[in-house]
Protein backbone atom coordinates (compact mmCIF):
# COMPACT_ATOMS: atom_id res chain seq x y z
CA MET A 1 6.50 48.08 3.28
CA ALA A 2 9.25 45.45 2.52
CA GLY A 3 7.92 42.61 4.82
CA ALA A 4 4.62 42.65 2.91
CA GLN A 5 6.51 41.95 -0.41
CA LEU A 6 8.11 38.82 1.19
CA GLY A 7 4.97 37.44 2.56
CA LEU A 8 4.37 35.65 5.85
CA PRO A 9 5.89 32.06 6.09
CA ALA A 10 3.00 29.57 5.88
CA SER A 11 4.89 27.51 8.77
CA ASP A 12 4.36 30.61 11.13
CA VAL A 13 0.51 30.46 10.69
CA VAL A 14 0.63 26.66 11.07
CA ARG A 15 2.34 27.26 14.51
CA GLU A 16 -0.10 29.91 15.49
CA VAL A 17 -3.29 28.26 14.84
CA ALA A 18 -2.35 25.37 17.23
CA SER A 19 -3.68 22.56 15.01
CA SER A 20 -2.14 19.87 12.81
CA ARG A 21 0.03 20.88 10.05
CA GLN A 22 -2.55 19.17 7.63
CA ALA A 23 -5.50 21.00 9.14
CA ALA A 24 -3.76 24.33 8.98
CA TYR A 25 -2.83 23.89 5.29
CA GLU A 26 -6.42 22.77 4.57
CA MET A 27 -7.57 25.93 6.12
CA LEU A 28 -5.22 28.00 4.00
CA GLY A 29 -6.30 26.20 1.00
CA SER A 30 -9.83 27.14 1.74
CA VAL A 31 -8.90 30.83 2.14
CA GLU A 32 -6.87 30.78 -0.96
CA LEU A 33 -9.72 29.18 -2.94
CA GLU A 34 -11.92 32.34 -1.61
CA GLY A 35 -9.23 34.56 -3.22
CA LEU A 36 -8.31 36.12 0.10
CA ILE A 37 -4.66 34.95 0.10
CA GLU A 38 -2.08 33.64 -2.38
CA LEU A 39 0.20 30.93 -1.36
CA ARG A 40 3.63 31.41 -3.31
CA PRO A 41 6.72 29.43 -3.18
CA ASN A 42 9.43 30.79 -0.90
CA PRO A 43 12.08 32.02 -3.12
CA THR A 44 14.68 31.01 -0.78
CA ASP A 45 13.24 27.56 0.15
CA ARG A 46 11.13 25.99 -2.54
CA ARG A 47 9.73 23.40 -0.14
CA SER A 48 7.88 26.03 1.85
CA HIS A 49 5.44 28.70 0.90
CA ARG A 50 4.69 32.27 1.72
CA ILE A 51 1.19 33.88 2.30
CA HIS A 52 0.43 37.00 0.50
CA VAL A 53 -2.87 38.74 1.28
CA THR A 54 -4.76 39.78 -1.77
CA ALA A 55 -6.75 43.02 -2.26
CA SER A 56 -10.00 41.02 -1.44
CA GLY A 57 -8.36 39.56 1.63
CA ARG A 58 -7.49 43.20 2.82
CA ALA A 59 -11.17 44.41 2.10
CA ARG A 60 -12.47 41.37 4.03
CA LEU A 61 -10.17 42.00 7.07
CA ALA A 62 -11.01 45.76 7.14
CA GLU A 63 -15.01 44.61 7.05
CA ALA A 64 -14.19 42.23 9.89
CA ARG A 65 -12.40 44.53 11.99
CA SER A 66 -15.14 47.04 11.65
CA VAL A 67 -17.69 44.42 12.76
CA VAL A 68 -15.47 43.21 15.68
CA ASP A 69 -14.75 46.83 16.73
CA ARG A 70 -18.53 47.57 16.92
CA ARG A 71 -19.36 44.39 18.77
CA GLU A 72 -16.59 45.02 21.42
CA ALA A 73 -17.90 48.65 21.89
CA GLU A 74 -21.34 46.99 22.55
CA LEU A 75 -19.89 44.61 25.16
CA GLU A 76 -17.67 47.07 26.87
CA ALA A 77 -20.41 49.62 27.23
CA ALA A 78 -21.69 47.72 30.32
CA PHE A 79 -18.35 48.09 32.20
CA THR A 80 -16.60 50.94 33.69
CA PRO A 81 -13.20 52.01 32.30
CA GLU A 82 -11.42 50.42 35.41
CA ARG A 83 -13.39 47.14 34.85
CA ARG A 84 -12.49 47.18 31.16
CA GLY A 85 -8.83 47.27 32.11
CA VAL A 86 -8.86 44.50 34.48
CA ILE A 87 -10.90 42.34 31.73
CA ARG A 88 -8.29 43.20 29.18
CA ASP A 89 -5.35 42.42 31.62
CA TRP A 90 -6.92 38.89 32.26
CA PHE A 91 -7.41 38.22 28.64
CA VAL A 92 -3.74 39.26 27.88
CA GLY A 93 -2.77 37.03 30.86
CA ILE A 94 -4.74 33.95 29.55
CA SER A 95 -3.38 34.46 26.01
CA VAL A 96 0.29 34.44 27.33
CA ALA A 97 -0.40 31.42 29.49
CA CYS A 98 -2.00 29.57 26.35
CA ARG A 99 1.15 29.96 24.33
């Protein structure tokens, strides 16, 4: 996958986490220290960095997805499929409104 080779611009993550630039870079630094990502200089703009997920990071993400999927299934079990659809629509609407 070509996009994975280029890495994700760190500035994109900074915008997505909706916090200060300094706080976002501190968070990225912590994740990097855990060995889950690598911050590498952007080859086309040495003032910026790109994020590359490490093998450990991919493994941790797979673990987290499994836990989240299991928890979501537990929470959704109390609702009918119709109610689940309404709830998901509401969450998507809230997410869009918050951007």
